Amino acid sequence: METKTRVLIADTNEDFRRLMTEVVRNEEDLELVDCVADGVDALSLAAEKKPDVLVLDLVLSKLDGIEVLRRLHDASADTKALVVSGFYNDKIISECAALGAAYFVTKPCDIVTLLDRIRQISAAQHPVVCDKPKSNDTELEALVTEIIHEIGVPAHIKGYQYLREAIMLTINDMDIINAVTKVLYNKSRNVRHRKLFTYYQSA
């Protein structure tokens, strides 16, 4: 009797989850464990169901994909992670590799190729491979533009191009967002201190 590869999917994109659910269920050698949208559920199900492969996006609610990778071995030591994400750079790919990911596939991706990757990492341990699209910058720009439109930012407003460029720079260099966060934190802390000082002076 042939043993099926058991697959758990963690992705916030409802359309991707629906597509993967349908595709995996139609494959005779694959078995769908579950489809979830957040990292906490992914870890909980990994610990309970012990899937062979976890198809994991990095952008998840409650607990992000990097943290899921960090905790996956403790939850299910034999589960292999296949990271599938539209947000990536060399540093992120290296971090995923260090945390034990077997493959890194970029979105948008070919479903047939994705199924092949699932089968490959189920059969044996592989080093991290990044299946980067050839037109990387073009597809990244299109993805960022789509997301900006989805959250309701109109293309005609002043600063739209700067916003899109800033997001792309951040994706390609995570040190930028760390620097921005540090500055915002310091400014926020200074504002709170001034408000407290004014309050105590008027009290």
N, C-alpha and C. Protein backbone atom coordinates (compact mmCIF):
# COMPACT_ATOMS: atom_id res chain seq x y z
N MET A 1 0.85 -1.20 0.00
CA MET A 1 0.00 0.00 0.00
C MET A 1 0.88 1.24 0.00
N GLU A 2 0.62 2.17 -0.93
CA GLU A 2 1.43 3.37 -1.05
C GLU A 2 1.07 4.37 0.04
N THR A 3 2.09 4.90 0.68
CA THR A 3 1.87 5.90 1.73
C THR A 3 1.77 7.28 1.11
N LYS A 4 0.75 8.01 1.49
CA LYS A 4 0.55 9.35 0.95
C LYS A 4 1.37 10.38 1.73
N THR A 5 1.81 11.42 1.04
CA THR A 5 2.48 12.54 1.69
C THR A 5 1.43 13.45 2.29
N ARG A 6 1.51 13.67 3.60
CA ARG A 6 0.50 14.45 4.31
C ARG A 6 0.94 15.92 4.35
N VAL A 7 0.05 16.81 3.89
CA VAL A 7 0.40 18.21 3.68
C VAL A 7 -0.48 19.13 4.52
N LEU A 8 0.17 20.04 5.24
CA LEU A 8 -0.52 21.09 5.98
C LEU A 8 -0.18 22.42 5.32
N ILE A 9 -1.19 23.26 5.11
CA ILE A 9 -0.99 24.54 4.42
C ILE A 9 -1.32 25.69 5.36
N ALA A 10 -0.41 26.66 5.45
CA ALA A 10 -0.62 27.85 6.28
C ALA A 10 -0.40 29.08 5.41
N ASP A 11 -1.49 29.79 5.12
CA ASP A 11 -1.42 30.96 4.23
C ASP A 11 -2.62 31.85 4.50
N THR A 12 -2.40 33.16 4.54
CA THR A 12 -3.51 34.07 4.82
C THR A 12 -4.38 34.31 3.60
N ASN A 13 -3.87 34.01 2.41
CA ASN A 13 -4.62 34.25 1.18
C ASN A 13 -5.69 33.18 0.99
N GLU A 14 -6.94 33.60 1.07
CA GLU A 14 -8.05 32.64 0.99
C GLU A 14 -8.10 31.94 -0.37
N ASP A 15 -7.83 32.69 -1.44
CA ASP A 15 -7.85 32.08 -2.78
C ASP A 15 -6.76 31.02 -2.93
N PHE A 16 -5.58 31.30 -2.37
CA PHE A 16 -4.49 30.33 -2.45
C PHE A 16 -4.84 29.08 -1.64
N ARG A 17 -5.43 29.25 -0.48
CA ARG A 17 -5.82 28.10 0.35
C ARG A 17 -6.87 27.26 -0.38
N ARG A 18 -7.83 27.94 -1.00
CA ARG A 18 -8.88 27.22 -1.71
C ARG A 18 -8.31 26.44 -2.89
N LEU A 19 -7.41 27.09 -3.63
CA LEU A 19 -6.78 26.44 -4.78
C LEU A 19 -5.96 25.23 -4.35
N MET A 20 -5.13 25.40 -3.31
CA MET A 20 -4.28 24.31 -2.84
C MET A 20 -5.10 23.17 -2.27
N THR A 21 -6.20 23.49 -1.61
CA THR A 21 -7.09 22.45 -1.08
C THR A 21 -7.61 21.58 -2.21
N GLU A 22 -8.08 22.23 -3.27
CA GLU A 22 -8.63 21.49 -4.41
C GLU A 22 -7.55 20.67 -5.12
N VAL A 23 -6.40 21.29 -5.32
CA VAL A 23 -5.32 20.63 -6.06
C VAL A 23 -4.78 19.42 -5.30
N VAL A 24 -4.47 19.61 -4.01
CA VAL A 24 -3.90 18.52 -3.22
C VAL A 24 -4.86 17.35 -3.10
N ARG A 25 -6.14 17.65 -2.94
CA ARG A 25 -7.12 16.58 -2.80
C ARG A 25 -7.29 15.77 -4.08
N ASN A 26 -6.89 16.35 -5.21
CA ASN A 26 -6.99 15.64 -6.49
C ASN A 26 -5.74 14.84 -6.83
N GLU A 27 -4.72 14.94 -5.98
CA GLU A 27 -3.48 14.19 -6.21
C GLU A 27 -3.53 12.88 -5.42
N GLU A 28 -3.36 11.77 -6.09
CA GLU A 28 -3.51 10.46 -5.44
C GLU A 28 -2.44 10.18 -4.39
N ASP A 29 -1.26 10.78 -4.55
CA ASP A 29 -0.17 10.51 -3.61
C ASP A 29 -0.06 11.54 -2.50
N LEU A 30 -1.00 12.52 -2.47
CA LEU A 30 -0.97 13.56 -1.44
C LEU A 30 -2.25 13.52 -0.61
N GLU A 31 -2.12 13.91 0.65
CA GLU A 31 -3.28 13.97 1.54
C GLU A 31 -3.26 15.31 2.28
N LEU A 32 -4.36 16.05 2.22
CA LEU A 32 -4.45 17.34 2.89
C LEU A 32 -4.79 17.16 4.36
N VAL A 33 -3.90 17.64 5.22
CA VAL A 33 -4.14 17.58 6.67
C VAL A 33 -5.12 18.67 7.06
N ASP A 34 -4.83 19.91 6.62
CA ASP A 34 -5.70 21.05 6.92
C ASP A 34 -5.15 22.28 6.22
N CYS A 35 -5.97 23.34 6.19
CA CYS A 35 -5.59 24.64 5.62
C CYS A 35 -5.90 25.70 6.66
N VAL A 36 -4.89 26.47 7.08
CA VAL A 36 -5.10 27.47 8.13
C VAL A 36 -4.54 28.82 7.69
N ALA A 37 -4.95 29.87 8.41
CA ALA A 37 -4.55 31.22 8.04
C ALA A 37 -3.60 31.87 9.03
N ASP A 38 -3.34 31.22 10.15
CA ASP A 38 -2.45 31.86 11.12
C ASP A 38 -1.40 30.88 11.65
N GLY A 39 -0.32 31.44 12.17
CA GLY A 39 0.82 30.66 12.61
C GLY A 39 0.57 29.82 13.85
N VAL A 40 -0.28 30.33 14.73
CA VAL A 40 -0.59 29.58 15.96
C VAL A 40 -1.29 28.27 15.62
N ASP A 41 -2.28 28.36 14.73
CA ASP A 41 -2.99 27.14 14.30
C ASP A 41 -2.05 26.19 13.56
N ALA A 42 -1.15 26.76 12.76
CA ALA A 42 -0.20 25.93 12.01
C ALA A 42 0.67 25.10 12.95
N LEU A 43 1.20 25.73 13.98
CA LEU A 43 2.04 25.01 14.95
C LEU A 43 1.23 23.99 15.74
N SER A 44 0.02 24.37 16.13
CA SER A 44 -0.83 23.47 16.89
C SER A 44 -1.17 22.21 16.09
N LEU A 45 -1.50 22.40 14.83
CA LEU A 45 -1.83 21.26 13.97
C LEU A 45 -0.60 20.42 13.63
N ALA A 46 0.54 21.10 13.48
CA ALA A 46 1.79 20.37 13.21
C ALA A 46 2.10 19.44 14.38
N ALA A 47 1.92 19.94 15.61
CA ALA A 47 2.18 19.13 16.80
C ALA A 47 1.18 17.98 16.93
N GLU A 48 -0.07 18.24 16.54
CA GLU A 48 -1.12 17.23 16.70
C GLU A 48 -1.13 16.20 15.57
N LYS A 49 -1.02 16.68 14.33
CA LYS A 49 -1.21 15.81 13.17
C LYS A 49 0.10 15.26 12.57
N LYS A 50 1.23 15.91 12.90
CA LYS A 50 2.55 15.48 12.39
C LYS A 50 2.56 15.32 10.86
N PRO A 51 2.27 16.40 10.12
CA PRO A 51 2.29 16.30 8.65
C PRO A 51 3.71 16.07 8.13
N ASP A 52 3.81 15.54 6.92
CA ASP A 52 5.12 15.36 6.30
C ASP A 52 5.69 16.68 5.82
N VAL A 53 4.80 17.53 5.27
CA VAL A 53 5.24 18.81 4.70
C VAL A 53 4.30 19.92 5.16
N LEU A 54 4.90 21.04 5.57
CA LEU A 54 4.15 22.26 5.89
C LEU A 54 4.43 23.28 4.80
N VAL A 55 3.39 23.64 4.03
CA VAL A 55 3.51 24.69 3.02
C VAL A 55 3.20 26.00 3.73
N LEU A 56 4.19 26.88 3.82
CA LEU A 56 4.14 27.99 4.76
C LEU A 56 4.43 29.33 4.10
N ASP A 57 3.50 30.27 4.25
CA ASP A 57 3.79 31.65 3.84
C ASP A 57 4.44 32.35 5.03
N LEU A 58 5.22 33.39 4.76
CA LEU A 58 5.87 34.12 5.85
C LEU A 58 4.94 35.14 6.48
N VAL A 59 3.95 35.60 5.73
CA VAL A 59 3.01 36.60 6.25
C VAL A 59 1.78 35.88 6.78
N LEU A 60 1.73 35.71 8.09
CA LEU A 60 0.62 35.03 8.75
C LEU A 60 0.13 35.87 9.91
N SER A 61 -1.12 35.71 10.28
CA SER A 61 -1.65 36.40 11.46
C SER A 61 -1.23 35.65 12.73
N LYS A 62 -1.25 36.36 13.83
CA LYS A 62 -0.95 35.85 15.17
C LYS A 62 0.53 35.48 15.35
N LEU A 63 1.08 34.72 14.42
CA LEU A 63 2.48 34.30 14.52
C LEU A 63 3.03 34.20 13.10
N ASP A 64 4.09 34.97 12.79
CA ASP A 64 4.56 34.99 11.41
C ASP A 64 5.33 33.72 11.05
N GLY A 65 5.58 33.57 9.74
CA GLY A 65 6.19 32.35 9.24
C GLY A 65 7.58 32.08 9.78
N ILE A 66 8.37 33.13 9.98
CA ILE A 66 9.72 32.95 10.53
C ILE A 66 9.65 32.33 11.92
N GLU A 67 8.72 32.82 12.73
CA GLU A 67 8.59 32.28 14.09
C GLU A 67 8.04 30.86 14.06
N VAL A 68 7.17 30.56 13.10
CA VAL A 68 6.68 29.18 12.94
C VAL A 68 7.85 28.25 12.62
N LEU A 69 8.71 28.68 11.70
CA LEU A 69 9.90 27.88 11.37
C LEU A 69 10.77 27.66 12.60
N ARG A 70 10.92 28.71 13.39
CA ARG A 70 11.78 28.63 14.57
C ARG A 70 11.26 27.59 15.58
N ARG A 71 9.94 27.43 15.64
CA ARG A 71 9.34 26.54 16.63
C ARG A 71 8.91 25.18 16.06
N LEU A 72 9.01 25.04 14.75
CA LEU A 72 8.46 23.84 14.10
C LEU A 72 9.13 22.56 14.57
N HIS A 73 10.44 22.58 14.74
CA HIS A 73 11.14 21.35 15.13
C HIS A 73 10.64 20.83 16.47
N ASP A 74 10.38 21.74 17.41
CA ASP A 74 9.87 21.32 18.73
C ASP A 74 8.44 20.78 18.62
N ALA A 75 7.67 21.34 17.69
CA ALA A 75 6.28 20.90 17.53
C ALA A 75 6.19 19.57 16.79
N SER A 76 7.00 19.43 15.74
CA SER A 76 6.98 18.21 14.92
C SER A 76 8.32 18.07 14.21
N ALA A 77 9.22 17.32 14.81
CA ALA A 77 10.61 17.26 14.33
C ALA A 77 10.75 16.73 12.91
N ASP A 78 9.83 15.88 12.47
CA ASP A 78 9.94 15.26 11.15
C ASP A 78 9.22 16.02 10.04
N THR A 79 8.50 17.08 10.41
CA THR A 79 7.79 17.88 9.41
C THR A 79 8.77 18.79 8.68
N LYS A 80 8.73 18.76 7.35
CA LYS A 80 9.61 19.60 6.54
C LYS A 80 8.84 20.81 6.02
N ALA A 81 9.47 21.96 6.06
CA ALA A 81 8.80 23.19 5.67
C ALA A 81 9.14 23.61 4.25
N LEU A 82 8.10 23.95 3.51
CA LEU A 82 8.24 24.51 2.17
C LEU A 82 7.70 25.93 2.23
N VAL A 83 8.58 26.92 2.20
CA VAL A 83 8.17 28.31 2.30
C VAL A 83 7.73 28.81 0.92
N VAL A 84 6.53 29.39 0.87
CA VAL A 84 5.99 29.95 -0.38
C VAL A 84 5.54 31.37 -0.09
N SER A 85 6.28 32.35 -0.60
CA SER A 85 5.99 33.73 -0.22
C SER A 85 6.32 34.72 -1.33
N GLY A 86 5.59 35.82 -1.35
CA GLY A 86 5.87 36.89 -2.30
C GLY A 86 6.79 37.94 -1.74
N PHE A 87 7.11 37.86 -0.45
CA PHE A 87 7.98 38.82 0.20
C PHE A 87 9.29 38.14 0.57
N TYR A 88 10.36 38.54 -0.07
CA TYR A 88 11.62 37.85 0.15
C TYR A 88 12.79 38.71 -0.28
N ASN A 89 13.94 38.40 0.26
CA ASN A 89 15.23 38.89 -0.21
C ASN A 89 16.26 37.86 0.21
N ASP A 90 17.52 38.09 -0.14
CA ASP A 90 18.55 37.09 0.16
C ASP A 90 18.68 36.82 1.66
N LYS A 91 18.49 37.87 2.45
CA LYS A 91 18.61 37.71 3.91
C LYS A 91 17.49 36.83 4.46
N ILE A 92 16.27 37.04 3.98
CA ILE A 92 15.14 36.23 4.43
C ILE A 92 15.32 34.78 4.02
N ILE A 93 15.76 34.56 2.78
CA ILE A 93 15.97 33.20 2.29
C ILE A 93 17.03 32.50 3.13
N SER A 94 18.11 33.22 3.46
CA SER A 94 19.18 32.64 4.29
C SER A 94 18.67 32.30 5.68
N GLU A 95 17.82 33.18 6.23
CA GLU A 95 17.27 32.92 7.57
C GLU A 95 16.36 31.70 7.55
N CYS A 96 15.55 31.57 6.50
CA CYS A 96 14.69 30.39 6.38
C CYS A 96 15.54 29.12 6.29
N ALA A 97 16.64 29.20 5.54
CA ALA A 97 17.53 28.05 5.42
C ALA A 97 18.11 27.68 6.77
N ALA A 98 18.56 28.69 7.52
CA ALA A 98 19.15 28.45 8.83
C ALA A 98 18.15 27.83 9.80
N LEU A 99 16.86 28.14 9.59
CA LEU A 99 15.82 27.62 10.47
C LEU A 99 15.26 26.28 9.99
N GLY A 100 15.85 25.75 8.91
CA GLY A 100 15.51 24.39 8.49
C GLY A 100 14.55 24.24 7.34
N ALA A 101 14.18 25.35 6.68
CA ALA A 101 13.28 25.23 5.52
C ALA A 101 13.94 24.41 4.42
N ALA A 102 13.18 23.56 3.78
CA ALA A 102 13.73 22.69 2.73
C ALA A 102 13.75 23.38 1.37
N TYR A 103 12.76 24.23 1.11
CA TYR A 103 12.71 24.97 -0.14
C TYR A 103 12.10 26.35 0.13
N PHE A 104 12.42 27.28 -0.73
CA PHE A 104 11.79 28.60 -0.72
C PHE A 104 11.30 28.87 -2.14
N VAL A 105 9.99 28.91 -2.31
CA VAL A 105 9.39 29.16 -3.62
C VAL A 105 8.71 30.53 -3.58
N THR A 106 8.97 31.35 -4.59
CA THR A 106 8.41 32.70 -4.61
C THR A 106 7.04 32.73 -5.28
N LYS A 107 6.19 33.58 -4.76
CA LYS A 107 4.88 33.82 -5.37
C LYS A 107 5.00 34.97 -6.35
N PRO A 108 4.22 34.95 -7.44
CA PRO A 108 3.33 33.86 -7.87
C PRO A 108 4.14 32.67 -8.37
N CYS A 109 3.60 31.49 -8.16
CA CYS A 109 4.35 30.29 -8.51
C CYS A 109 3.48 29.34 -9.34
N ASP A 110 4.15 28.46 -10.04
CA ASP A 110 3.47 27.45 -10.84
C ASP A 110 3.05 26.31 -9.92
N ILE A 111 1.77 25.96 -9.93
CA ILE A 111 1.24 24.96 -9.02
C ILE A 111 1.86 23.58 -9.26
N VAL A 112 2.09 23.23 -10.51
CA VAL A 112 2.70 21.93 -10.81
C VAL A 112 4.10 21.85 -10.21
N THR A 113 4.85 22.94 -10.34
CA THR A 113 6.20 23.00 -9.74
C THR A 113 6.11 22.89 -8.23
N LEU A 114 5.13 23.56 -7.65
CA LEU A 114 4.95 23.51 -6.19
C LEU A 114 4.66 22.09 -5.72
N LEU A 115 3.83 21.38 -6.44
CA LEU A 115 3.53 19.99 -6.10
C LEU A 115 4.79 19.12 -6.21
N ASP A 116 5.60 19.39 -7.22
CA ASP A 116 6.87 18.66 -7.38
C ASP A 116 7.78 18.91 -6.18
N ARG A 117 7.83 20.15 -5.72
CA ARG A 117 8.67 20.49 -4.56
C ARG A 117 8.18 19.74 -3.31
N ILE A 118 6.87 19.66 -3.14
CA ILE A 118 6.31 18.94 -2.00
C ILE A 118 6.76 17.49 -2.01
N ARG A 119 6.68 16.88 -3.18
CA ARG A 119 7.07 15.47 -3.31
C ARG A 119 8.58 15.29 -3.08
N GLN A 120 9.36 16.21 -3.59
CA GLN A 120 10.82 16.11 -3.46
C GLN A 120 11.27 16.21 -2.01
N ILE A 121 10.75 17.18 -1.28
CA ILE A 121 11.21 17.34 0.10
C ILE A 121 10.62 16.27 1.02
N SER A 122 9.50 15.68 0.61
CA SER A 122 8.94 14.57 1.37
C SER A 122 9.82 13.33 1.22
N ALA A 123 10.39 13.16 0.03
CA ALA A 123 11.20 11.98 -0.25
C ALA A 123 12.57 12.04 0.40
N ALA A 124 13.14 13.24 0.47
CA ALA A 124 14.50 13.38 1.03
C ALA A 124 14.74 14.81 1.45
N GLN A 125 15.75 15.00 2.30
CA GLN A 125 16.09 16.34 2.75
C GLN A 125 16.92 17.05 1.67
N HIS A 126 16.51 18.26 1.32
CA HIS A 126 17.21 19.04 0.31
C HIS A 126 17.69 20.36 0.92
N PRO A 127 18.73 20.94 0.37
CA PRO A 127 19.10 22.29 0.78
C PRO A 127 18.07 23.29 0.27
N VAL A 128 18.07 24.47 0.83
CA VAL A 128 17.12 25.48 0.40
C VAL A 128 17.38 25.88 -1.05
N VAL A 129 16.33 25.91 -1.82
CA VAL A 129 16.39 26.39 -3.20
C VAL A 129 15.39 27.52 -3.33
N CYS A 130 15.80 28.62 -3.92
CA CYS A 130 14.88 29.72 -4.17
C CYS A 130 14.50 29.72 -5.64
N ASP A 131 13.26 29.42 -5.94
CA ASP A 131 12.79 29.44 -7.32
C ASP A 131 12.38 30.87 -7.67
N LYS A 132 13.37 31.73 -7.92
CA LYS A 132 13.08 33.14 -8.19
C LYS A 132 12.53 33.31 -9.60
N PRO A 133 11.50 34.16 -9.75
CA PRO A 133 11.03 34.45 -11.10
C PRO A 133 12.07 35.23 -11.88
N LYS A 134 12.08 35.05 -13.19
CA LYS A 134 13.09 35.72 -14.01
C LYS A 134 12.92 37.23 -13.97
N SER A 135 11.70 37.71 -14.08
CA SER A 135 11.46 39.15 -14.06
C SER A 135 11.15 39.58 -12.64
N ASN A 136 12.11 39.41 -11.75
CA ASN A 136 11.92 39.62 -10.32
C ASN A 136 11.40 41.01 -10.00
N ASP A 137 12.09 42.06 -10.46
CA ASP A 137 11.72 43.44 -10.13
C ASP A 137 10.35 43.80 -10.68
N THR A 138 10.07 43.35 -11.89
CA THR A 138 8.79 43.66 -12.52
C THR A 138 7.64 43.02 -11.76
N GLU A 139 7.79 41.75 -11.40
CA GLU A 139 6.72 41.05 -10.70
C GLU A 139 6.56 41.58 -9.27
N LEU A 140 7.67 41.96 -8.64
CA LEU A 140 7.59 42.54 -7.31
C LEU A 140 6.83 43.85 -7.34
N GLU A 141 7.14 44.68 -8.33
CA GLU A 141 6.44 45.97 -8.47
C GLU A 141 4.96 45.75 -8.69
N ALA A 142 4.61 44.77 -9.51
CA ALA A 142 3.19 44.48 -9.77
C ALA A 142 2.49 44.00 -8.50
N LEU A 143 3.18 43.17 -7.72
CA LEU A 143 2.60 42.65 -6.48
C LEU A 143 2.38 43.77 -5.48
N VAL A 144 3.37 44.64 -5.31
CA VAL A 144 3.25 45.76 -4.37
C VAL A 144 2.12 46.69 -4.80
N THR A 145 2.03 46.98 -6.10
CA THR A 145 0.97 47.83 -6.63
C THR A 145 -0.41 47.24 -6.33
N GLU A 146 -0.54 45.93 -6.52
CA GLU A 146 -1.81 45.26 -6.26
C GLU A 146 -2.21 45.37 -4.79
N ILE A 147 -1.24 45.19 -3.90
CA ILE A 147 -1.52 45.27 -2.46
C ILE A 147 -1.93 46.68 -2.06
N ILE A 148 -1.22 47.69 -2.61
CA ILE A 148 -1.56 49.08 -2.30
C ILE A 148 -2.99 49.39 -2.73
N HIS A 149 -3.37 48.89 -3.89
CA HIS A 149 -4.74 49.11 -4.37
C HIS A 149 -5.75 48.39 -3.49
N GLU A 150 -5.40 47.19 -3.02
CA GLU A 150 -6.31 46.41 -2.18
C GLU A 150 -6.62 47.12 -0.87
N ILE A 151 -5.65 47.83 -0.32
CA ILE A 151 -5.88 48.53 0.97
C ILE A 151 -6.51 49.90 0.75
N GLY A 152 -6.77 50.25 -0.51
CA GLY A 152 -7.55 51.46 -0.79
C GLY A 152 -6.77 52.72 -1.04
N VAL A 153 -5.49 52.63 -1.38
CA VAL A 153 -4.70 53.83 -1.68
C VAL A 153 -4.81 54.12 -3.17
N PRO A 154 -5.44 55.25 -3.55
CA PRO A 154 -5.61 55.56 -4.98
C PRO A 154 -4.29 55.97 -5.62
N ALA A 155 -4.13 55.62 -6.90
CA ALA A 155 -2.87 55.86 -7.59
C ALA A 155 -2.61 57.34 -7.86
N HIS A 156 -3.65 58.17 -7.82
CA HIS A 156 -3.47 59.58 -8.19
C HIS A 156 -3.02 60.47 -7.03
N ILE A 157 -3.02 59.95 -5.80
CA ILE A 157 -2.69 60.82 -4.68
C ILE A 157 -1.20 61.16 -4.68
N LYS A 158 -0.89 62.32 -4.09
CA LYS A 158 0.49 62.76 -4.01
C LYS A 158 1.28 61.81 -3.11
N GLY A 159 2.43 61.38 -3.59
CA GLY A 159 3.28 60.49 -2.80
C GLY A 159 3.07 59.01 -3.07
N TYR A 160 2.15 58.68 -3.99
CA TYR A 160 1.86 57.27 -4.29
C TYR A 160 3.12 56.54 -4.78
N GLN A 161 3.84 57.17 -5.72
CA GLN A 161 5.04 56.54 -6.27
C GLN A 161 6.11 56.35 -5.19
N TYR A 162 6.22 57.36 -4.29
CA TYR A 162 7.20 57.25 -3.21
C TYR A 162 6.84 56.11 -2.26
N LEU A 163 5.55 55.94 -2.00
CA LEU A 163 5.09 54.86 -1.12
C LEU A 163 5.44 53.50 -1.72
N ARG A 164 5.16 53.33 -3.00
CA ARG A 164 5.45 52.06 -3.65
C ARG A 164 6.95 51.77 -3.66
N GLU A 165 7.75 52.79 -3.96
CA GLU A 165 9.20 52.62 -3.99
C GLU A 165 9.74 52.28 -2.60
N ALA A 166 9.17 52.93 -1.57
CA ALA A 166 9.60 52.68 -0.19
C ALA A 166 9.32 51.24 0.21
N ILE A 167 8.16 50.72 -0.16
CA ILE A 167 7.81 49.33 0.17
C ILE A 167 8.76 48.37 -0.52
N MET A 168 9.08 48.63 -1.79
CA MET A 168 9.98 47.75 -2.52
C MET A 168 11.39 47.78 -1.93
N LEU A 169 11.85 48.96 -1.53
CA LEU A 169 13.17 49.07 -0.90
C LEU A 169 13.21 48.28 0.40
N THR A 170 12.11 48.35 1.15
CA THR A 170 12.04 47.64 2.43
C THR A 170 12.07 46.13 2.24
N ILE A 171 11.35 45.65 1.21
CA ILE A 171 11.34 44.21 0.92
C ILE A 171 12.74 43.72 0.58
N ASN A 172 13.47 44.52 -0.18
CA ASN A 172 14.81 44.13 -0.62
C ASN A 172 15.89 44.33 0.44
N ASP A 173 15.58 45.13 1.46
CA ASP A 173 16.56 45.38 2.52
C ASP A 173 15.84 45.58 3.84
N MET A 174 15.75 44.51 4.65
CA MET A 174 15.00 44.55 5.91
C MET A 174 15.63 45.50 6.93
N ASP A 175 16.89 45.88 6.74
CA ASP A 175 17.52 46.83 7.66
C ASP A 175 16.83 48.19 7.60
N ILE A 176 16.22 48.49 6.45
CA ILE A 176 15.53 49.77 6.30
C ILE A 176 14.35 49.86 7.26
N ILE A 177 13.52 48.81 7.30
CA ILE A 177 12.35 48.84 8.18
C ILE A 177 12.77 48.85 9.64
N ASN A 178 13.89 48.17 9.96
CA ASN A 178 14.39 48.20 11.33
C ASN A 178 14.79 49.61 11.73
N ALA A 179 15.43 50.33 10.79
CA ALA A 179 15.85 51.70 11.06
C ALA A 179 14.65 52.62 11.24
N VAL A 180 13.63 52.44 10.37
CA VAL A 180 12.42 53.25 10.47
C VAL A 180 11.71 53.00 11.79
N THR A 181 11.59 51.73 12.16
CA THR A 181 10.93 51.37 13.41
C THR A 181 11.64 51.99 14.61
N LYS A 182 12.96 51.98 14.58
CA LYS A 182 13.74 52.55 15.68
C LYS A 182 13.48 54.04 15.82
N VAL A 183 13.44 54.76 14.68
CA VAL A 183 13.19 56.20 14.70
C VAL A 183 11.79 56.49 15.21
N LEU A 184 10.79 55.74 14.70
CA LEU A 184 9.41 55.94 15.14
C LEU A 184 9.24 55.66 16.62
N TYR A 185 9.93 54.63 17.11
CA TYR A 185 9.84 54.29 18.53
C TYR A 185 10.38 55.44 19.37
N ASN A 186 11.53 55.97 18.98
CA ASN A 186 12.14 57.07 19.74
C ASN A 186 11.26 58.30 19.72
N LYS A 187 10.67 58.63 18.55
CA LYS A 187 9.79 59.79 18.46
C LYS A 187 8.56 59.60 19.32
N SER A 188 7.97 58.38 19.26
CA SER A 188 6.78 58.10 20.05
C SER A 188 7.08 58.20 21.54
N ARG A 189 8.24 57.68 21.95
CA ARG A 189 8.61 57.73 23.35
C ARG A 189 8.81 59.16 23.81
N ASN A 190 9.43 60.00 22.98
CA ASN A 190 9.65 61.40 23.34
C ASN A 190 8.33 62.15 23.47
N VAL A 191 7.37 61.86 22.59
CA VAL A 191 6.05 62.50 22.66
C VAL A 191 5.37 62.12 23.96
N ARG A 192 5.43 60.82 24.32
CA ARG A 192 4.79 60.38 25.57
C ARG A 192 5.44 61.05 26.77
N HIS A 193 6.76 61.18 26.75
CA HIS A 193 7.45 61.83 27.86
C HIS A 193 7.05 63.29 27.99
N ARG A 194 6.92 63.99 26.85
CA ARG A 194 6.53 65.40 26.90
C ARG A 194 5.11 65.55 27.45
N LYS A 195 4.21 64.63 27.04
CA LYS A 195 2.83 64.69 27.53
C LYS A 195 2.78 64.45 29.05
N LEU A 196 3.56 63.48 29.52
CA LEU A 196 3.60 63.21 30.95
C LEU A 196 4.17 64.39 31.72
N PHE A 197 5.22 64.99 31.17
CA PHE A 197 5.85 66.14 31.83
C PHE A 197 4.86 67.31 31.92
N THR A 198 4.12 67.56 30.82
CA THR A 198 3.12 68.64 30.81
C THR A 198 2.02 68.34 31.79
N TYR A 199 1.61 67.08 31.88
CA TYR A 199 0.53 66.70 32.80
C TYR A 199 0.91 66.96 34.25
N TYR A 200 2.11 66.52 34.62
CA TYR A 200 2.56 66.67 36.01
C TYR A 200 2.81 68.13 36.36
N GLN A 201 3.20 68.96 35.36
CA GLN A 201 3.38 70.37 35.62
C GLN A 201 2.06 71.08 35.89
N SER A 202 1.01 70.62 35.20
CA SER A 202 -0.30 71.27 35.35
C SER A 202 -1.08 70.72 36.54
N ALA A 203 -0.61 69.59 37.09
CA ALA A 203 -1.34 68.95 38.18
C ALA A 203 -1.17 69.73 39.49
